[in-house]
Amino acid sequence: MTNHKELVTQLRATLGKLEMALGVINDAIVWTDHAGVIQWCNKAFDIIAGAPHIQILGKNIERILPLYKNKIKIPINKNFFESILRDPSRVPREYRLKKGRPIRWLEVSIRSIPAKKENNAGIVIVIRDITERKQKEARMEQQRRTLAYQADVLKKIRNELIKSSADLKRSNKDLEQFAYAASHDLQEPLRVIASYIQLLNKRYRNRLDKDADEFIAYAVDGATRLQTLIRDLLDYSRLNTQTKPLESVNCQALMKKVLDNLKTTIEESGANITCGALPVITADQTQMARLFQNLLINAIKYRSREPLKIAISAQKIAKLWKFSIKDNGIGMDPKHLKRIFGVFVRLHTINEYPGTGIGLAICKKIIARHGGRIWAESAPGQGSSFHCTIPAILTPRRASSSLP
């Protein structure tokens, strides 16, 4: 049977271990009586109080707190103690240490110690440094505000882009309708003018002086070029208004038809055209034929004095088919490579090379409608290579070709 002395020894050992455990924790703990006189505290409280342990015991906590540099005020008195006994919430209170740098935050928890006798009652105050947590919360709040601001800015930009896109589509549609109406309406009066000029040329050639014959020739040539220009402009404006549904297109067979249509032009130019295997894609067959035709005519038109050679090929790159038409013609300065796809852009005079400057613009519009892009590579005297991409939606046809 354990005697009284052993119990006291065990109790002292337990209290020693408990005091040792409370002494190594980071939270400052202090126990006062109902009058606020400190009965016990751990080493962490010594650090906060800025005084040795022995100088703190028996002192009123109001003399220890506020911490003189930080101005924490805990007004402990009888009324305060009674309010603690009546407070069921026991919510910790947070204090921001305004003076001193860096700014610190403390969380103060106050608990009453119930006792049968009032003289033995007291309160326990736990002070925890929550500066790191507050700093983290502040950073998270700042990030939240930043993200909210960025989301708001992105939302506004998105709305503006949607509005701008709608305005641009409406403007493009209006321009296409205007170009169509203008070119369509101009055809009839121009046809009448051209007819009468040709009639003048037929009836009065060699009947007037040389100047009159020259003027009539200029008028006939101008009317003819204007008719061609209006016809090309009408074709350009129809690209988006008169389209056909996308369908399976055998580019191998389509290229053969295009070459058959250009047979006379090819024979006159003496062009040697080779064509590799071309795939089956999903596209507007009429527009794809126009694309191939325009690029081939372009290669034939700008040939050099050397025998003309044109190579047609297709290459699978990821989810795209890349079509290439390469020639050994006169080539062009690389600084013009981006300009040539604009409407009415010409690098040569009418006398040097005829045309309206719309052919490549039509090619660019066709490729854009099919979700691809078109570009050129060239250098003076080194020929030109025109490349364009089309999404590879269908399985390509692996067939060889022996086109003329």
Foldseek 3Di string as FASTA:
>chain_A
DDDPVVVVVVVVVVVVVVLVVQQPDQKWKFKDAQAQATQAIHVNVCVQLVHDRVVRHRHRVQVSPPNVQQHDGDDRHNVVSVVQVVDPPQAWDKDWRPGDPPIWIKTKTKHKDDDPDSRPTIIMIIIDTCRVVVVVVVVVVVVVVVVVVVVVVVVVVVVVVVVVVVVVVVVLLVVLVVLQVVLVVVLVVLVVQLVVLVVCQVPCVVVDDPVVNVVSVVSNVVSVLVNVLSVLSNVLSCPVVPFDAWDWDQVQVLVLVLCVVCVVVCVVLQEDEEEWHDWIATAGSVLVSLLSNLVVVVQSQQADPPRKYWYWYWDDDPQKIKIKIWIQGQWDAPVCFVVLLDFQDDPDDCVNTNDRSNSSVSNQVRLVVQVKGKTKDTDGRRTIMIMMMGGHPDGTDNDTDDRD
